[in-house]
Amino acid sequence: MDTDTNTETKSLPAVIGANYQAIRTGKGITQEAVASHARRLGLKWPTSKVGDFEKGRSESPFSTVLTALQALQDAIGPEAQVTLSDLVTLDGPVALTPSFCPTGTEVAAVTSGEAWTYDAGRVMVSGHGALTGATDGGGPDMEDMRRRSDLTEARICKRLKISGDDLIRLSWRLWEGRTFSEERDRRAVSPARRAPVSRELRAQLEEEIARGNH
């Protein structure tokens, strides 16, 4: 299992794939053996597909994850049991959606049959875990949001004639802790949508500035 301590947010496919590979190689099982068992269970997997799965290169339906888990179990045999929680465990945040990034430990607990104990009062931030204080009058983590800002935010500041910190405070209030670029990417379903979504977000900012809320 991938248990290295880290604070980097990883996608769920990346976490599952890395743990899957670690378990497979730890038991001395080849990708060819896993692919053979996967095909027996109905997955049309050549050996290369096992590699893609382990690299987290694509989103896999839950049914595929469960079947791949059984294929690995069949390849290992009865000497060791592999569970779903083994595949999702991570000592760090896992991005289930752009706005929901619980820790791998919390995800593993849920896959083991426990209920979510996640504090709904925490504001989830795309790719960066939770910002605290959002529901009790607190403010943004300025340093963290500065690190997450890029040239997009610089251009918006210039266009709106506001400071970077003013943009951070506005973004934090409007978009639950996300920066302008993070909110744009969250809403845009394709590259073609980025421009119109950017215009919508700028309009929101301009409205807030006109109200004096910056």
N, C-alpha and C. Protein backbone atom coordinates (compact mmCIF):
# COMPACT_ATOMS: atom_id res chain seq x y z
N MET A 1 0.85 -1.21 0.00
CA MET A 1 0.00 0.00 0.00
C MET A 1 0.87 1.24 0.00
N ASP A 2 0.32 2.33 -0.56
CA ASP A 2 1.06 3.58 -0.61
C ASP A 2 0.87 4.30 0.71
N THR A 3 1.80 4.15 1.63
CA THR A 3 1.65 4.72 2.97
C THR A 3 2.69 5.77 3.27
N ASP A 4 3.42 6.26 2.25
CA ASP A 4 4.40 7.30 2.49
C ASP A 4 3.69 8.56 2.96
N THR A 5 4.25 9.19 3.99
CA THR A 5 3.65 10.41 4.50
C THR A 5 3.82 11.53 3.49
N ASN A 6 2.73 12.20 3.12
CA ASN A 6 2.80 13.32 2.20
C ASN A 6 1.57 14.17 2.36
N THR A 7 1.64 15.39 1.90
CA THR A 7 0.50 16.30 1.95
C THR A 7 0.00 16.64 0.56
N GLU A 8 0.57 16.01 -0.46
CA GLU A 8 0.14 16.26 -1.83
C GLU A 8 -1.19 15.57 -2.09
N THR A 9 -2.14 16.30 -2.65
CA THR A 9 -3.42 15.70 -2.99
C THR A 9 -3.26 14.86 -4.25
N LYS A 10 -3.76 13.63 -4.22
CA LYS A 10 -3.69 12.74 -5.37
C LYS A 10 -5.10 12.35 -5.80
N SER A 11 -5.25 12.08 -7.08
CA SER A 11 -6.54 11.63 -7.58
C SER A 11 -6.80 10.21 -7.09
N LEU A 12 -8.07 9.85 -7.02
CA LEU A 12 -8.42 8.51 -6.57
C LEU A 12 -7.85 7.44 -7.51
N PRO A 13 -7.93 7.59 -8.85
CA PRO A 13 -7.32 6.58 -9.72
C PRO A 13 -5.82 6.42 -9.49
N ALA A 14 -5.12 7.53 -9.20
CA ALA A 14 -3.68 7.45 -8.96
C ALA A 14 -3.39 6.69 -7.67
N VAL A 15 -4.20 6.93 -6.64
CA VAL A 15 -4.01 6.24 -5.36
C VAL A 15 -4.28 4.74 -5.51
N ILE A 16 -5.41 4.42 -6.14
CA ILE A 16 -5.75 3.01 -6.34
C ILE A 16 -4.68 2.31 -7.16
N GLY A 17 -4.25 2.95 -8.24
CA GLY A 17 -3.26 2.33 -9.11
C GLY A 17 -1.93 2.09 -8.42
N ALA A 18 -1.47 3.08 -7.65
CA ALA A 18 -0.18 2.94 -6.95
C ALA A 18 -0.25 1.83 -5.91
N ASN A 19 -1.34 1.77 -5.16
CA ASN A 19 -1.50 0.71 -4.16
C ASN A 19 -1.61 -0.66 -4.82
N TYR A 20 -2.33 -0.70 -5.92
CA TYR A 20 -2.51 -1.95 -6.66
C TYR A 20 -1.15 -2.48 -7.11
N GLN A 21 -0.35 -1.59 -7.70
CA GLN A 21 0.98 -1.99 -8.17
C GLN A 21 1.87 -2.44 -7.01
N ALA A 22 1.80 -1.70 -5.89
CA ALA A 22 2.63 -2.06 -4.74
C ALA A 22 2.28 -3.44 -4.20
N ILE A 23 0.99 -3.74 -4.15
CA ILE A 23 0.56 -5.05 -3.67
C ILE A 23 0.99 -6.13 -4.66
N ARG A 24 0.78 -5.89 -5.94
CA ARG A 24 1.12 -6.89 -6.96
C ARG A 24 2.62 -7.21 -6.95
N THR A 25 3.45 -6.17 -7.01
CA THR A 25 4.89 -6.41 -7.05
C THR A 25 5.40 -6.98 -5.73
N GLY A 26 4.75 -6.56 -4.61
CA GLY A 26 5.15 -7.10 -3.32
C GLY A 26 4.92 -8.59 -3.20
N LYS A 27 3.94 -9.09 -3.95
CA LYS A 27 3.64 -10.53 -3.93
C LYS A 27 4.31 -11.27 -5.08
N GLY A 28 5.09 -10.54 -5.89
CA GLY A 28 5.79 -11.19 -7.00
C GLY A 28 4.89 -11.61 -8.14
N ILE A 29 3.76 -10.90 -8.31
CA ILE A 29 2.80 -11.23 -9.36
C ILE A 29 3.08 -10.36 -10.58
N THR A 30 3.06 -10.96 -11.76
CA THR A 30 3.31 -10.20 -12.98
C THR A 30 2.03 -9.54 -13.48
N GLN A 31 2.21 -8.51 -14.30
CA GLN A 31 1.06 -7.88 -14.95
C GLN A 31 0.35 -8.87 -15.86
N GLU A 32 1.11 -9.75 -16.50
CA GLU A 32 0.51 -10.75 -17.39
C GLU A 32 -0.44 -11.67 -16.62
N ALA A 33 -0.05 -12.05 -15.41
CA ALA A 33 -0.91 -12.93 -14.61
C ALA A 33 -2.20 -12.22 -14.21
N VAL A 34 -2.08 -10.96 -13.81
CA VAL A 34 -3.27 -10.20 -13.43
C VAL A 34 -4.19 -10.03 -14.64
N ALA A 35 -3.61 -9.70 -15.80
CA ALA A 35 -4.41 -9.51 -17.01
C ALA A 35 -5.16 -10.79 -17.38
N SER A 36 -4.50 -11.93 -17.22
CA SER A 36 -5.14 -13.21 -17.53
C SER A 36 -6.35 -13.45 -16.63
N HIS A 37 -6.21 -13.19 -15.34
CA HIS A 37 -7.34 -13.36 -14.42
C HIS A 37 -8.43 -12.32 -14.68
N ALA A 38 -8.02 -11.12 -15.06
CA ALA A 38 -9.01 -10.08 -15.37
C ALA A 38 -9.85 -10.48 -16.58
N ARG A 39 -9.22 -11.05 -17.59
CA ARG A 39 -9.97 -11.48 -18.78
C ARG A 39 -10.93 -12.62 -18.43
N ARG A 40 -10.51 -13.50 -17.55
CA ARG A 40 -11.39 -14.59 -17.12
C ARG A 40 -12.64 -14.06 -16.43
N LEU A 41 -12.48 -12.91 -15.77
CA LEU A 41 -13.61 -12.29 -15.06
C LEU A 41 -14.43 -11.35 -15.94
N GLY A 42 -14.01 -11.21 -17.20
CA GLY A 42 -14.82 -10.42 -18.13
C GLY A 42 -14.25 -9.08 -18.54
N LEU A 43 -13.09 -8.68 -17.97
CA LEU A 43 -12.46 -7.43 -18.39
C LEU A 43 -11.59 -7.71 -19.62
N LYS A 44 -11.76 -6.92 -20.64
CA LYS A 44 -10.99 -7.12 -21.87
C LYS A 44 -9.65 -6.40 -21.73
N TRP A 45 -8.82 -6.94 -20.86
CA TRP A 45 -7.56 -6.31 -20.51
C TRP A 45 -6.37 -7.02 -21.13
N PRO A 46 -5.66 -6.36 -22.04
CA PRO A 46 -4.33 -6.84 -22.38
C PRO A 46 -3.38 -6.46 -21.23
N THR A 47 -2.16 -6.95 -21.29
CA THR A 47 -1.21 -6.65 -20.21
C THR A 47 -1.00 -5.15 -20.05
N SER A 48 -1.00 -4.42 -21.17
CA SER A 48 -0.76 -2.97 -21.11
C SER A 48 -1.84 -2.25 -20.31
N LYS A 49 -3.06 -2.81 -20.28
CA LYS A 49 -4.15 -2.17 -19.54
C LYS A 49 -3.90 -2.23 -18.04
N VAL A 50 -3.24 -3.28 -17.58
CA VAL A 50 -2.87 -3.36 -16.16
C VAL A 50 -1.93 -2.20 -15.82
N GLY A 51 -0.98 -1.94 -16.72
CA GLY A 51 -0.06 -0.82 -16.51
C GLY A 51 -0.78 0.51 -16.49
N ASP A 52 -1.74 0.69 -17.38
CA ASP A 52 -2.52 1.93 -17.40
C ASP A 52 -3.30 2.10 -16.10
N PHE A 53 -3.88 1.02 -15.63
CA PHE A 53 -4.66 1.05 -14.38
C PHE A 53 -3.75 1.42 -13.22
N GLU A 54 -2.56 0.85 -13.17
CA GLU A 54 -1.64 1.11 -12.07
C GLU A 54 -1.08 2.53 -12.12
N LYS A 55 -1.03 3.13 -13.27
CA LYS A 55 -0.55 4.51 -13.39
C LYS A 55 -1.66 5.53 -13.20
N GLY A 56 -2.90 5.07 -13.01
CA GLY A 56 -4.02 5.98 -12.80
C GLY A 56 -4.30 6.84 -14.01
N ARG A 57 -4.10 6.27 -15.20
CA ARG A 57 -4.19 7.08 -16.42
C ARG A 57 -5.62 7.36 -16.86
N SER A 58 -6.58 6.67 -16.27
CA SER A 58 -7.96 6.91 -16.67
C SER A 58 -8.89 6.60 -15.51
N GLU A 59 -10.04 7.26 -15.51
CA GLU A 59 -11.06 6.97 -14.51
C GLU A 59 -11.63 5.58 -14.79
N SER A 60 -11.77 4.77 -13.76
CA SER A 60 -12.33 3.43 -13.92
C SER A 60 -13.64 3.34 -13.17
N PRO A 61 -14.69 2.77 -13.80
CA PRO A 61 -15.95 2.58 -13.08
C PRO A 61 -15.71 1.73 -11.83
N PHE A 62 -16.58 1.88 -10.86
CA PHE A 62 -16.45 1.13 -9.61
C PHE A 62 -16.49 -0.37 -9.89
N SER A 63 -17.30 -0.76 -10.87
CA SER A 63 -17.37 -2.18 -11.21
C SER A 63 -16.03 -2.70 -11.71
N THR A 64 -15.29 -1.87 -12.45
CA THR A 64 -13.97 -2.27 -12.95
C THR A 64 -12.98 -2.38 -11.81
N VAL A 65 -13.02 -1.43 -10.87
CA VAL A 65 -12.12 -1.47 -9.72
C VAL A 65 -12.35 -2.75 -8.92
N LEU A 66 -13.61 -3.10 -8.69
CA LEU A 66 -13.91 -4.31 -7.91
C LEU A 66 -13.46 -5.56 -8.65
N THR A 67 -13.66 -5.58 -9.97
CA THR A 67 -13.24 -6.75 -10.75
C THR A 67 -11.72 -6.86 -10.78
N ALA A 68 -11.04 -5.72 -10.93
CA ALA A 68 -9.57 -5.73 -10.91
C ALA A 68 -9.05 -6.19 -9.56
N LEU A 69 -9.75 -5.81 -8.50
CA LEU A 69 -9.37 -6.26 -7.16
C LEU A 69 -9.47 -7.78 -7.06
N GLN A 70 -10.56 -8.35 -7.61
CA GLN A 70 -10.72 -9.80 -7.57
C GLN A 70 -9.67 -10.50 -8.44
N ALA A 71 -9.33 -9.89 -9.58
CA ALA A 71 -8.30 -10.47 -10.45
C ALA A 71 -6.96 -10.54 -9.71
N LEU A 72 -6.64 -9.48 -8.98
CA LEU A 72 -5.41 -9.48 -8.20
C LEU A 72 -5.47 -10.53 -7.10
N GLN A 73 -6.62 -10.63 -6.44
CA GLN A 73 -6.78 -11.64 -5.39
C GLN A 73 -6.61 -13.05 -5.96
N ASP A 74 -7.20 -13.30 -7.13
CA ASP A 74 -7.08 -14.61 -7.76
C ASP A 74 -5.63 -14.91 -8.12
N ALA A 75 -4.90 -13.88 -8.59
CA ALA A 75 -3.51 -14.08 -8.98
C ALA A 75 -2.63 -14.37 -7.76
N ILE A 76 -2.95 -13.73 -6.63
CA ILE A 76 -2.17 -13.94 -5.40
C ILE A 76 -2.50 -15.29 -4.78
N GLY A 77 -3.77 -15.65 -4.80
CA GLY A 77 -4.19 -16.90 -4.18
C GLY A 77 -4.64 -16.69 -2.74
N PRO A 78 -4.98 -17.75 -2.05
CA PRO A 78 -5.58 -17.65 -0.71
C PRO A 78 -4.60 -17.29 0.40
N GLU A 79 -3.30 -17.22 0.08
CA GLU A 79 -2.34 -16.98 1.16
C GLU A 79 -2.44 -15.57 1.74
N ALA A 80 -3.03 -14.63 0.99
CA ALA A 80 -3.17 -13.25 1.49
C ALA A 80 -4.45 -12.66 0.95
N GLN A 81 -5.11 -11.86 1.76
CA GLN A 81 -6.35 -11.22 1.37
C GLN A 81 -6.10 -9.76 1.02
N VAL A 82 -6.68 -9.33 -0.09
CA VAL A 82 -6.58 -7.93 -0.52
C VAL A 82 -7.97 -7.31 -0.41
N THR A 83 -8.07 -6.18 0.27
CA THR A 83 -9.36 -5.52 0.45
C THR A 83 -9.43 -4.21 -0.33
N LEU A 84 -10.64 -3.72 -0.49
CA LEU A 84 -10.83 -2.45 -1.18
C LEU A 84 -10.14 -1.32 -0.43
N SER A 85 -10.16 -1.38 0.90
CA SER A 85 -9.51 -0.32 1.68
C SER A 85 -8.00 -0.31 1.45
N ASP A 86 -7.42 -1.48 1.12
CA ASP A 86 -6.00 -1.51 0.81
C ASP A 86 -5.67 -0.65 -0.41
N LEU A 87 -6.62 -0.57 -1.34
CA LEU A 87 -6.36 0.16 -2.59
C LEU A 87 -6.53 1.67 -2.45
N VAL A 88 -7.28 2.13 -1.45
CA VAL A 88 -7.56 3.56 -1.34
C VAL A 88 -6.79 4.23 -0.22
N THR A 89 -6.04 3.46 0.55
CA THR A 89 -5.32 4.03 1.68
C THR A 89 -4.20 4.95 1.20
N LEU A 90 -4.10 6.12 1.81
CA LEU A 90 -3.04 7.08 1.52
C LEU A 90 -2.89 7.98 2.73
N ASP A 91 -1.64 8.26 3.12
CA ASP A 91 -1.40 9.19 4.23
C ASP A 91 -1.34 10.59 3.66
N GLY A 92 -2.49 11.08 3.23
CA GLY A 92 -2.58 12.39 2.60
C GLY A 92 -3.96 12.53 1.98
N PRO A 93 -4.30 13.70 1.43
CA PRO A 93 -5.63 13.92 0.86
C PRO A 93 -5.82 13.24 -0.49
N VAL A 94 -7.06 12.77 -0.72
CA VAL A 94 -7.44 12.13 -1.98
C VAL A 94 -8.57 12.95 -2.60
N ALA A 95 -8.41 13.36 -3.85
CA ALA A 95 -9.42 14.17 -4.52
C ALA A 95 -10.52 13.27 -5.08
N LEU A 96 -11.67 13.25 -4.41
CA LEU A 96 -12.82 12.52 -4.93
C LEU A 96 -13.58 13.37 -5.93
N THR A 97 -13.65 14.67 -5.66
CA THR A 97 -14.14 15.67 -6.60
C THR A 97 -13.23 16.88 -6.42
N PRO A 98 -13.33 17.88 -7.31
CA PRO A 98 -12.50 19.07 -7.13
C PRO A 98 -12.72 19.77 -5.79
N SER A 99 -13.88 19.53 -5.15
CA SER A 99 -14.20 20.23 -3.90
C SER A 99 -14.20 19.32 -2.68
N PHE A 100 -13.96 18.05 -2.86
CA PHE A 100 -14.05 17.11 -1.74
C PHE A 100 -12.78 16.26 -1.72
N CYS A 101 -11.89 16.58 -0.78
CA CYS A 101 -10.58 15.92 -0.71
C CYS A 101 -10.31 15.39 0.69
N PRO A 102 -11.01 14.35 1.11
CA PRO A 102 -10.73 13.77 2.43
C PRO A 102 -9.39 13.05 2.41
N THR A 103 -8.93 12.65 3.58
CA THR A 103 -7.67 11.91 3.63
C THR A 103 -7.90 10.47 3.17
N GLY A 104 -6.80 9.83 2.75
CA GLY A 104 -6.90 8.44 2.36
C GLY A 104 -7.36 7.56 3.50
N THR A 105 -6.99 7.93 4.73
CA THR A 105 -7.43 7.16 5.90
C THR A 105 -8.94 7.22 6.06
N GLU A 106 -9.51 8.39 5.82
CA GLU A 106 -10.96 8.53 5.91
C GLU A 106 -11.67 7.74 4.81
N VAL A 107 -11.10 7.76 3.60
CA VAL A 107 -11.69 7.00 2.50
C VAL A 107 -11.62 5.51 2.79
N ALA A 108 -10.47 5.06 3.31
CA ALA A 108 -10.31 3.64 3.62
C ALA A 108 -11.32 3.20 4.67
N ALA A 109 -11.58 4.05 5.66
CA ALA A 109 -12.54 3.71 6.71
C ALA A 109 -13.94 3.51 6.13
N VAL A 110 -14.31 4.38 5.18
CA VAL A 110 -15.63 4.26 4.56
C VAL A 110 -15.72 2.98 3.74
N THR A 111 -14.67 2.63 3.00
CA THR A 111 -14.71 1.40 2.21
C THR A 111 -14.69 0.15 3.09
N SER A 112 -14.33 0.33 4.35
CA SER A 112 -14.35 -0.80 5.30
C SER A 112 -15.68 -0.93 6.01
N GLY A 113 -16.64 -0.07 5.65
CA GLY A 113 -17.98 -0.19 6.22
C GLY A 113 -18.36 0.87 7.22
N GLU A 114 -17.44 1.81 7.50
CA GLU A 114 -17.76 2.88 8.45
C GLU A 114 -18.49 4.02 7.74
N ALA A 115 -19.23 4.80 8.51
CA ALA A 115 -19.91 5.97 7.96
C ALA A 115 -18.92 7.13 7.86
N TRP A 116 -19.21 8.07 6.97
CA TRP A 116 -18.38 9.26 6.90
C TRP A 116 -18.41 10.00 8.22
N THR A 117 -17.25 10.36 8.72
CA THR A 117 -17.16 11.20 9.92
C THR A 117 -16.57 12.55 9.55
N TYR A 118 -16.54 12.84 8.26
CA TYR A 118 -15.94 14.07 7.78
C TYR A 118 -16.75 15.27 8.26
N ASP A 119 -16.06 16.28 8.76
CA ASP A 119 -16.71 17.48 9.27
C ASP A 119 -17.18 18.33 8.11
N ALA A 120 -18.49 18.42 7.94
CA ALA A 120 -19.05 19.18 6.83
C ALA A 120 -18.75 20.67 6.94
N GLY A 121 -18.32 21.13 8.10
CA GLY A 121 -18.00 22.53 8.26
C GLY A 121 -16.69 22.93 7.61
N ARG A 122 -15.86 21.94 7.27
CA ARG A 122 -14.61 22.26 6.60
C ARG A 122 -14.87 22.55 5.13
N VAL A 123 -14.30 23.63 4.64
CA VAL A 123 -14.45 23.97 3.23
C VAL A 123 -13.38 23.24 2.45
N MET A 124 -13.78 22.45 1.46
CA MET A 124 -12.83 21.69 0.68
C MET A 124 -12.28 22.55 -0.46
N VAL A 125 -11.01 22.40 -0.72
CA VAL A 125 -10.34 23.20 -1.73
C VAL A 125 -9.73 22.30 -2.79
N SER A 126 -9.98 22.60 -4.05
CA SER A 126 -9.49 21.77 -5.14
C SER A 126 -8.00 21.56 -5.05
N GLY A 127 -7.61 20.29 -4.90
CA GLY A 127 -6.20 19.94 -4.92
C GLY A 127 -5.42 20.34 -3.69
N HIS A 128 -6.08 20.85 -2.65
CA HIS A 128 -5.30 21.36 -1.52
C HIS A 128 -5.92 21.06 -0.17
N GLY A 129 -6.84 20.07 -0.09
CA GLY A 129 -7.37 19.72 1.20
C GLY A 129 -8.34 20.75 1.72
N ALA A 130 -8.41 20.93 3.03
CA ALA A 130 -9.44 21.76 3.62
C ALA A 130 -8.89 23.06 4.17
N LEU A 131 -9.70 24.10 4.00
CA LEU A 131 -9.42 25.36 4.67
C LEU A 131 -10.28 25.41 5.92
N THR A 132 -9.71 25.69 7.05
CA THR A 132 -10.49 25.76 8.28
C THR A 132 -10.93 27.19 8.53
N GLY A 133 -11.97 27.30 9.33
CA GLY A 133 -12.43 28.63 9.72
C GLY A 133 -13.41 29.26 8.76
N ALA A 134 -13.80 28.54 7.69
CA ALA A 134 -14.66 29.14 6.69
C ALA A 134 -16.07 29.37 7.19
N THR A 135 -16.50 28.58 8.16
CA THR A 135 -17.87 28.70 8.61
C THR A 135 -17.99 29.42 9.94
N ASP A 136 -16.88 29.89 10.49
CA ASP A 136 -16.98 30.56 11.79
C ASP A 136 -16.39 31.96 11.74
N GLY A 137 -16.42 32.57 10.53
CA GLY A 137 -15.94 33.94 10.40
C GLY A 137 -14.47 34.04 10.13
N GLY A 138 -13.78 32.90 9.93
CA GLY A 138 -12.35 32.93 9.64
C GLY A 138 -12.08 33.44 8.24
N GLY A 139 -10.80 33.59 7.92
CA GLY A 139 -10.43 34.07 6.61
C GLY A 139 -9.58 33.07 5.88
N PRO A 140 -9.19 33.40 4.65
CA PRO A 140 -8.41 32.46 3.84
C PRO A 140 -6.99 32.32 4.34
N ASP A 141 -6.39 31.20 4.00
CA ASP A 141 -4.96 31.00 4.22
C ASP A 141 -4.26 31.71 3.07
N MET A 142 -3.83 32.94 3.31
CA MET A 142 -3.31 33.79 2.24
C MET A 142 -2.09 33.17 1.56
N GLU A 143 -1.17 32.63 2.35
CA GLU A 143 0.05 32.07 1.76
C GLU A 143 -0.28 30.88 0.86
N ASP A 144 -1.19 30.04 1.32
CA ASP A 144 -1.56 28.88 0.53
C ASP A 144 -2.21 29.31 -0.79
N MET A 145 -3.12 30.27 -0.73
CA MET A 145 -3.80 30.70 -1.94
C MET A 145 -2.87 31.47 -2.87
N ARG A 146 -1.88 32.17 -2.31
CA ARG A 146 -0.89 32.81 -3.19
C ARG A 146 -0.11 31.77 -3.97
N ARG A 147 0.26 30.67 -3.29
CA ARG A 147 1.00 29.61 -3.98
C ARG A 147 0.18 28.99 -5.09
N ARG A 148 -1.12 28.93 -4.88
CA ARG A 148 -1.99 28.30 -5.87
C ARG A 148 -2.40 29.24 -6.99
N SER A 149 -2.08 30.50 -6.88
CA SER A 149 -2.40 31.48 -7.92
C SER A 149 -1.32 31.46 -8.99
N ASP A 150 -1.70 31.81 -10.22
CA ASP A 150 -0.72 31.81 -11.32
C ASP A 150 -0.93 33.04 -12.19
N LEU A 151 -0.47 32.97 -13.45
CA LEU A 151 -0.58 34.12 -14.35
C LEU A 151 -2.03 34.50 -14.62
N THR A 152 -2.93 33.53 -14.52
CA THR A 152 -4.35 33.85 -14.72
C THR A 152 -4.81 34.87 -13.70
N GLU A 153 -4.47 34.62 -12.43
CA GLU A 153 -4.86 35.56 -11.38
C GLU A 153 -4.20 36.92 -11.57
N ALA A 154 -2.95 36.92 -12.01
CA ALA A 154 -2.25 38.19 -12.24
C ALA A 154 -2.95 39.00 -13.32
N ARG A 155 -3.39 38.34 -14.38
CA ARG A 155 -4.09 39.05 -15.46
C ARG A 155 -5.44 39.58 -14.97
N ILE A 156 -6.14 38.80 -14.14
CA ILE A 156 -7.43 39.25 -13.62
C ILE A 156 -7.25 40.48 -12.73
N CYS A 157 -6.21 40.46 -11.89
CA CYS A 157 -5.94 41.61 -11.03
C CYS A 157 -5.69 42.87 -11.86
N LYS A 158 -4.92 42.72 -12.90
CA LYS A 158 -4.61 43.87 -13.76
C LYS A 158 -5.86 44.39 -14.44
N ARG A 159 -6.68 43.48 -14.91
CA ARG A 159 -7.90 43.88 -15.61
C ARG A 159 -8.89 44.57 -14.67
N LEU A 160 -9.00 44.05 -13.44
CA LEU A 160 -9.97 44.60 -12.51
C LEU A 160 -9.39 45.72 -11.63
N LYS A 161 -8.07 45.93 -11.76
CA LYS A 161 -7.38 46.97 -11.01
C LYS A 161 -7.52 46.77 -9.50
N ILE A 162 -7.25 45.53 -9.08
CA ILE A 162 -7.26 45.20 -7.65
C ILE A 162 -5.96 44.47 -7.33
N SER A 163 -5.64 44.39 -6.05
CA SER A 163 -4.42 43.69 -5.64
C SER A 163 -4.63 42.19 -5.64
N GLY A 164 -3.53 41.45 -5.63
CA GLY A 164 -3.62 40.00 -5.56
C GLY A 164 -4.31 39.52 -4.31
N ASP A 165 -4.04 40.18 -3.19
CA ASP A 165 -4.68 39.77 -1.93
C ASP A 165 -6.17 40.07 -1.94
N ASP A 166 -6.56 41.19 -2.59
CA ASP A 166 -7.99 41.47 -2.71
C ASP A 166 -8.68 40.38 -3.53
N LEU A 167 -8.02 39.93 -4.59
CA LEU A 167 -8.60 38.87 -5.41
C LEU A 167 -8.72 37.58 -4.61
N ILE A 168 -7.72 37.28 -3.80
CA ILE A 168 -7.77 36.08 -2.97
C ILE A 168 -8.97 36.13 -2.03
N ARG A 169 -9.15 37.28 -1.37
CA ARG A 169 -10.27 37.38 -0.42
C ARG A 169 -11.62 37.26 -1.13
N LEU A 170 -11.73 37.87 -2.29
CA LEU A 170 -12.98 37.77 -3.06
C LEU A 170 -13.22 36.33 -3.50
N SER A 171 -12.19 35.70 -4.03
CA SER A 171 -12.33 34.33 -4.52
C SER A 171 -12.70 33.39 -3.39
N TRP A 172 -12.08 33.59 -2.24
CA TRP A 172 -12.33 32.73 -1.09
C TRP A 172 -13.79 32.80 -0.67
N ARG A 173 -14.33 34.03 -0.67
CA ARG A 173 -15.74 34.19 -0.27
C ARG A 173 -16.70 33.66 -1.33
N LEU A 174 -16.41 33.93 -2.60
CA LEU A 174 -17.34 33.58 -3.66
C LEU A 174 -17.34 32.10 -4.00
N TRP A 175 -16.16 31.48 -3.92
CA TRP A 175 -16.02 30.13 -4.49
C TRP A 175 -15.48 29.11 -3.48
N GLU A 176 -15.85 29.30 -2.22
CA GLU A 176 -15.56 28.32 -1.17
C GLU A 176 -14.09 27.93 -1.10
N GLY A 177 -13.24 28.94 -1.13
CA GLY A 177 -11.82 28.69 -0.94
C GLY A 177 -11.02 28.42 -2.19
N ARG A 178 -11.68 28.40 -3.36
CA ARG A 178 -10.95 28.15 -4.60
C ARG A 178 -10.45 29.45 -5.22
N THR A 179 -9.32 29.39 -5.91
CA THR A 179 -8.83 30.54 -6.65
C THR A 179 -9.65 30.71 -7.92
N PHE A 180 -9.43 31.83 -8.61
CA PHE A 180 -10.14 32.08 -9.87
C PHE A 180 -9.90 30.94 -10.85
N SER A 181 -8.64 30.55 -11.05
CA SER A 181 -8.34 29.51 -12.03
C SER A 181 -8.89 28.15 -11.61
N GLU A 182 -8.88 27.85 -10.31
CA GLU A 182 -9.45 26.59 -9.84
C GLU A 182 -10.95 26.53 -10.06
N GLU A 183 -11.64 27.66 -9.80
CA GLU A 183 -13.08 27.69 -10.02
C GLU A 183 -13.40 27.61 -11.51
N ARG A 184 -12.59 28.29 -12.34
CA ARG A 184 -12.79 28.21 -13.80
C ARG A 184 -12.66 26.76 -14.27
N ASP A 185 -11.62 26.08 -13.83
CA ASP A 185 -11.39 24.70 -14.26
C ASP A 185 -12.47 23.76 -13.73
N ARG A 186 -12.99 24.07 -12.54
CA ARG A 186 -14.05 23.24 -11.97
C ARG A 186 -15.33 23.33 -12.79
N ARG A 187 -15.64 24.54 -13.26
CA ARG A 187 -16.90 24.74 -14.00
C ARG A 187 -16.80 24.36 -15.47
N ALA A 188 -15.63 24.54 -16.05
CA ALA A 188 -15.48 24.29 -17.49
C ALA A 188 -15.42 22.78 -17.74
N VAL A 189 -16.34 22.29 -18.56
CA VAL A 189 -16.37 20.86 -18.85
C VAL A 189 -15.47 20.50 -20.04
N SER A 190 -14.96 21.50 -20.72
CA SER A 190 -14.08 21.28 -21.86
C SER A 190 -13.24 22.54 -22.05
N PRO A 191 -12.10 22.43 -22.75
CA PRO A 191 -11.27 23.62 -23.00
C PRO A 191 -12.04 24.76 -23.67
N ALA A 192 -13.00 24.41 -24.50
CA ALA A 192 -13.77 25.44 -25.20
C ALA A 192 -14.63 26.27 -24.24
N ARG A 193 -14.92 25.71 -23.07
CA ARG A 193 -15.76 26.41 -22.10
C ARG A 193 -14.98 27.34 -21.19
N ARG A 194 -13.65 27.28 -21.23
CA ARG A 194 -12.85 28.07 -20.30
C ARG A 194 -13.06 29.57 -20.49
N ALA A 195 -13.11 30.03 -21.75
CA ALA A 195 -13.29 31.47 -22.01
C ALA A 195 -14.64 31.98 -21.51
N PRO A 196 -15.77 31.34 -21.89
CA PRO A 196 -17.05 31.85 -21.37
C PRO A 196 -17.18 31.75 -19.86
N VAL A 197 -16.61 30.68 -19.27
CA VAL A 197 -16.65 30.56 -17.81
C VAL A 197 -15.83 31.67 -17.17
N SER A 198 -14.68 32.00 -17.76
CA SER A 198 -13.85 33.09 -17.23
C SER A 198 -14.63 34.40 -17.24
N ARG A 199 -15.39 34.63 -18.30
CA ARG A 199 -16.19 35.87 -18.37
C ARG A 199 -17.25 35.89 -17.28
N GLU A 200 -17.87 34.73 -17.03
CA GLU A 200 -18.88 34.65 -15.97
C GLU A 200 -18.26 34.96 -14.60
N LEU A 201 -17.08 34.41 -14.37
CA LEU A 201 -16.42 34.64 -13.08
C LEU A 201 -15.98 36.09 -12.92
N ARG A 202 -15.48 36.68 -14.01
CA ARG A 202 -15.10 38.10 -13.94
C ARG A 202 -16.31 38.96 -13.62
N ALA A 203 -17.45 38.61 -14.20
CA ALA A 203 -18.67 39.38 -13.93
C ALA A 203 -19.04 39.30 -12.46
N GLN A 204 -18.86 38.13 -11.85
CA GLN A 204 -19.13 37.98 -10.42
C GLN A 204 -18.19 38.88 -9.61
N LEU A 205 -16.93 38.87 -9.98
CA LEU A 205 -15.96 39.69 -9.27
C LEU A 205 -16.29 41.18 -9.42
N GLU A 206 -16.63 41.58 -10.63
CA GLU A 206 -16.94 42.99 -10.88
C GLU A 206 -18.15 43.43 -10.06
N GLU A 207 -19.12 42.53 -9.93
CA GLU A 207 -20.31 42.85 -9.14
C GLU A 207 -19.94 43.04 -7.67
N GLU A 208 -19.08 42.18 -7.14
CA GLU A 208 -18.65 42.29 -5.76
C GLU A 208 -17.83 43.57 -5.54
N ILE A 209 -16.98 43.90 -6.50
CA ILE A 209 -16.17 45.12 -6.39
C ILE A 209 -17.07 46.36 -6.42
N ALA A 210 -18.09 46.33 -7.29
CA ALA A 210 -19.01 47.46 -7.37
C ALA A 210 -19.76 47.67 -6.05
N ARG A 211 -19.93 46.60 -5.29
CA ARG A 211 -20.60 46.69 -3.99
C ARG A 211 -19.64 47.12 -2.90
N GLY A 212 -18.38 47.20 -3.25
CA GLY A 212 -17.37 47.58 -2.26
C GLY A 212 -16.90 46.43 -1.41
N ASN A 213 -17.15 45.19 -1.86
CA ASN A 213 -16.78 44.01 -1.08
C ASN A 213 -15.41 43.48 -1.48
N HIS A 214 -14.39 44.27 -1.28
CA HIS A 214 -13.04 43.78 -1.54
C HIS A 214 -12.04 44.54 -0.68
